[in-house]
Protein backbone atom coordinates (compact mmCIF):
# COMPACT_ATOMS: atom_id res chain seq x y z
CA MET A 1 0.00 0.00 0.00
CA SER A 2 2.81 2.31 0.93
CA ASP A 3 4.68 1.53 -2.29
CA SER A 4 1.53 2.27 -4.33
CA SER A 5 1.01 5.59 -2.55
CA ASP A 6 4.64 6.54 -3.02
CA SER A 7 4.40 5.72 -6.73
CA GLU A 8 1.27 7.85 -7.18
CA ALA A 9 2.86 10.72 -5.30
CA THR A 10 5.98 10.47 -7.47
CA GLN A 11 3.89 10.51 -10.65
CA ALA A 12 1.86 13.50 -9.44
CA ALA A 13 5.03 15.39 -8.57
CA ALA A 14 6.55 14.56 -11.96
CA LYS A 15 3.47 15.77 -13.86
CA PRO A 16 3.49 19.56 -14.25
CA ASN A 17 0.40 21.45 -13.15
CA ILE A 18 -1.76 23.11 -15.77
CA VAL A 19 -0.03 26.49 -15.46
CA LYS A 20 3.40 24.91 -15.89
CA ARG A 21 2.17 22.85 -18.88
CA MET A 22 0.86 26.04 -20.47
CA TYR A 23 4.22 27.67 -19.84
CA LEU A 24 6.04 24.72 -21.43
CA TRP A 25 3.70 24.78 -24.44
CA VAL A 26 4.44 28.44 -25.05
CA LEU A 27 8.14 27.87 -24.44
CA HIS A 28 8.41 25.00 -26.94
CA TRP A 29 7.84 27.38 -29.86
CA ALA A 30 11.28 28.84 -29.23
CA GLU A 31 12.77 25.50 -30.31
CA THR A 32 10.95 25.47 -33.65
CA PRO A 33 11.45 27.43 -36.88
CA TYR A 34 8.19 29.22 -36.09
CA GLY A 35 9.31 31.02 -32.94
CA THR A 36 9.00 34.54 -34.32
CA PRO A 37 5.58 34.01 -35.96
CA ALA A 38 4.40 32.34 -32.74
CA LEU A 39 5.61 35.36 -30.75
CA PHE A 40 3.74 37.68 -33.09
CA GLY A 41 0.55 35.63 -32.83
CA LEU A 42 0.76 35.31 -29.06
CA SER A 43 1.40 39.03 -28.58
CA PHE A 44 -1.45 39.89 -30.93
CA ALA A 45 -3.92 37.53 -29.26
CA GLU A 46 -3.00 38.52 -25.69
CA SER A 47 -4.11 42.10 -26.30
CA SER A 48 -7.59 41.13 -27.45
CA PHE A 49 -8.71 37.71 -26.22
CA PHE A 50 -5.94 35.23 -25.25
CA PRO A 51 -4.92 34.78 -21.57
CA ILE A 52 -1.23 33.82 -21.96
CA PRO A 53 1.28 36.72 -21.85
CA PRO A 54 3.96 36.67 -24.57
CA ASP A 55 6.85 37.55 -22.28
CA VAL A 56 7.86 33.93 -21.66
CA LEU A 57 8.34 33.21 -25.37
CA GLN A 58 10.07 36.53 -25.92
CA ILE A 59 12.53 35.67 -23.15
CA ALA A 60 13.24 32.21 -24.56
CA LEU A 61 13.79 33.51 -28.09
CA SER A 62 15.98 36.35 -26.85
CA ILE A 63 18.13 34.01 -24.76
CA SER A 64 18.76 31.81 -27.79
CA LYS A 65 19.85 34.89 -29.77
CA PRO A 66 20.69 37.73 -27.33
CA LYS A 67 21.73 40.10 -30.11
CA ARG A 68 18.17 39.92 -31.46
CA SER A 69 16.58 40.75 -28.10
CA PHE A 70 15.40 44.16 -29.24
CA TYR A 71 14.12 42.71 -32.52
CA TYR A 72 11.90 40.30 -30.58
CA ALA A 73 10.75 43.18 -28.38
CA THR A 74 9.73 45.06 -31.52
CA VAL A 75 7.79 42.04 -32.80
CA SER A 76 5.98 41.78 -29.45
CA MET A 77 5.19 45.49 -29.37
CA VAL A 78 3.91 45.78 -32.95
CA ALA A 79 1.75 42.65 -32.67
CA SER A 80 0.42 43.71 -29.29
CA VAL A 81 -0.63 47.14 -30.57
CA LEU A 82 -2.36 45.54 -33.56
CA GLY A 83 -4.11 43.19 -31.14
CA ALA A 84 -5.16 46.18 -29.06
CA ILE A 85 -6.85 47.65 -32.13
CA VAL A 86 -8.77 44.40 -32.59
CA GLY A 87 -9.72 44.49 -28.91
CA TRP A 88 -11.00 48.06 -29.33
CA TYR A 89 -13.05 47.00 -32.36
CA ILE A 90 -14.54 44.08 -30.42
CA GLY A 91 -15.70 46.50 -27.74
CA TYR A 92 -16.81 49.18 -30.17
CA ALA A 93 -18.69 47.12 -32.78
CA LEU A 94 -19.06 43.50 -31.67
CA TRP A 95 -19.67 43.60 -27.94
CA ALA A 96 -23.45 43.17 -28.21
CA GLY A 97 -22.94 39.81 -29.89
CA LEU A 98 -19.69 38.61 -28.28
CA GLY A 99 -19.89 40.15 -24.81
CA GLN A 100 -21.43 37.19 -23.04
CA PHE A 101 -18.95 34.77 -24.62
CA PHE A 102 -16.02 36.89 -23.40
CA MET A 103 -17.54 37.17 -19.94
CA ASP A 104 -18.01 33.41 -19.71
CA TYR A 105 -14.79 32.10 -21.26
CA VAL A 106 -12.00 34.72 -21.37
CA PRO A 107 -10.03 34.98 -18.09
CA GLY A 108 -9.89 38.50 -16.67
CA VAL A 109 -12.94 39.69 -18.59
CA ASN A 110 -15.71 40.25 -16.07
CA GLN A 111 -18.15 42.97 -15.04
CA GLU A 112 -16.19 43.93 -11.93
CA ASN A 113 -13.06 44.69 -13.96
CA PHE A 114 -15.05 46.61 -16.57
CA ASP A 115 -16.68 48.73 -13.87
CA ALA A 116 -13.24 49.57 -12.44
CA VAL A 117 -11.84 50.40 -15.87
CA GLU A 118 -14.82 52.60 -16.79
CA GLY A 119 -14.10 54.94 -13.89
CA LEU A 120 -10.44 55.17 -14.86
CA TYR A 121 -11.24 55.90 -18.50
CA THR A 122 -13.75 58.58 -17.60
CA ALA A 123 -11.10 60.66 -15.87
CA TYR A 124 -7.72 59.37 -17.09
CA GLY A 125 -8.21 57.52 -20.39
CA PHE A 126 -4.74 57.96 -21.89
CA LEU A 127 -2.75 57.49 -18.69
CA ALA A 128 -4.85 54.51 -17.61
CA ILE A 129 -4.19 52.71 -20.91
CA THR A 130 -0.46 53.47 -20.81
CA MET A 131 -0.05 52.15 -17.28
CA ALA A 132 -2.14 49.04 -18.01
CA ALA A 133 -0.04 48.31 -21.10
CA PHE A 134 3.10 48.26 -18.96
CA THR A 135 1.86 46.30 -15.93
CA PRO A 136 0.84 42.59 -15.77
CA LEU A 137 -2.83 43.61 -15.83
CA PRO A 138 -5.08 41.73 -18.31
CA TYR A 139 -4.60 44.24 -21.10
CA LYS A 140 -7.48 42.81 -23.15
CA VAL A 141 -9.88 44.24 -20.53
CA PHE A 142 -8.55 47.73 -21.21
CA THR A 143 -8.53 47.43 -25.00
CA ILE A 144 -12.06 46.01 -25.19
CA ALA A 145 -13.32 48.51 -22.61
CA ALA A 146 -11.79 51.35 -24.63
CA GLY A 147 -14.14 50.47 -27.48
CA ILE A 148 -17.13 49.98 -25.21
CA PHE A 149 -16.68 53.28 -23.36
CA GLY A 150 -15.82 55.41 -26.38
CA VAL A 151 -12.08 56.01 -25.92
CA SER A 152 -10.84 57.18 -29.31
CA LEU A 153 -8.79 54.71 -31.34
CA PRO A 154 -5.81 57.10 -31.83
CA VAL A 155 -5.57 57.54 -28.04
CA LEU A 156 -5.55 53.76 -27.60
CA ILE A 157 -2.87 53.30 -30.27
CA VAL A 158 -0.49 55.94 -28.89
CA ALA A 159 -0.92 54.80 -25.29
CA SER A 160 -0.45 51.16 -26.32
CA ILE A 161 2.75 51.95 -28.19
CA LEU A 162 4.19 53.74 -25.16
CA GLY A 163 3.15 51.18 -22.55
CA ARG A 164 3.87 48.04 -24.57
CA SER A 165 7.26 49.40 -25.69
CA ALA A 166 8.24 50.10 -22.09
CA ARG A 167 7.24 46.58 -21.05
CA PHE A 168 8.76 44.53 -23.88
CA PHE A 169 11.92 46.57 -24.24
CA SER A 170 12.50 46.27 -20.49
CA VAL A 171 12.48 42.49 -20.97
CA ALA A 172 14.87 42.83 -23.93
CA THR A 173 17.25 44.98 -21.89
CA CYS A 174 17.36 42.39 -19.09
CA ILE A 175 18.12 39.59 -21.54
CA PHE A 176 20.72 41.64 -23.37
CA PHE A 177 22.67 42.30 -20.18
CA PHE A 178 21.93 39.21 -18.05
CA GLY A 179 21.31 36.53 -20.69
CA PRO A 180 20.64 32.91 -19.66
CA SER A 181 20.47 33.70 -15.94
CA VAL A 182 16.95 35.09 -16.49
CA LYS A 183 15.70 31.79 -17.95
CA GLU A 184 17.48 29.79 -15.23
CA PHE A 185 15.64 31.83 -12.61
CA ILE A 186 12.27 31.18 -14.27
CA ASP A 187 12.94 27.43 -14.60
CA LYS A 188 14.14 27.11 -11.02
CA TYR A 189 11.63 29.37 -9.33
CA PHE A 190 8.59 29.05 -11.60
CA GLU A 191 6.11 28.49 -8.79
CA LEU A 192 7.45 31.52 -6.93
CA ALA A 193 7.34 33.55 -10.15
CA THR A 194 3.68 32.56 -10.59
CA ILE A 195 2.87 33.82 -7.10
CA LEU A 196 4.79 37.05 -7.69
CA PHE A 197 2.98 37.56 -11.01
CA THR A 198 -0.36 37.18 -9.24
CA ILE A 199 0.71 39.71 -6.61
CA LEU A 200 1.75 42.12 -9.37
CA LEU A 201 -1.57 41.53 -11.13
CA ILE A 202 -3.48 42.61 -8.03
CA GLY A 203 -0.99 45.35 -7.26
CA GLY A 204 -1.34 46.74 -10.76
CA PHE A 205 -4.95 47.71 -10.19
CA LEU A 206 -4.09 49.14 -6.76
CA LEU A 207 -1.21 51.13 -8.25
CA ILE A 208 -3.45 52.71 -10.87
CA LYS A 209 -6.05 53.62 -8.26
CA VAL A 210 -3.42 55.17 -5.95
CA VAL A 211 -1.66 57.14 -8.68
CA LEU A 212 -4.75 58.32 -10.52
CA HIS A 213 -7.00 59.18 -7.56
């Protein structure tokens, strides 16, 4: 009985949890010829409907080719801004038909978050978008809400360029100067990094409220 329990425990420990499996799935694209297109697609989707942030793949690609770190940051930024435009259009023109689907199935998209974002947009539209683009907040909530609440598309584009550039080029700078040690930290302390990311996610909303109010 003890041997059976030990075997099951060993198998459970060896099997990554769902978050780690998702991380590994994203990471595996760095080992294929499609790493850059995958980074573009992931960055694009994350700004409008997909829950996985592109930073992990950007880090992996940059570590494999440190001299191209800023190129990968540019790919992430451009795709993310294009995705933000799609998110805005979803909120502006398609929300009546797609709203319930997003509420039910897209992580981070819920009425509570939209209510919080509406107040921020009413008073600080541009600055709220810029800060959200930089922090680990679910950016899709801000891009979709921008369309719903009538934030102009040029404002969204400019704010997205500033915030997304600051975020992705910060990652590129770390890789350029510290290289493989960044990936080693993620691999070794992934569970801790997940907890810290969650704390930052919550702290991001608090930071915006403190700074803007």
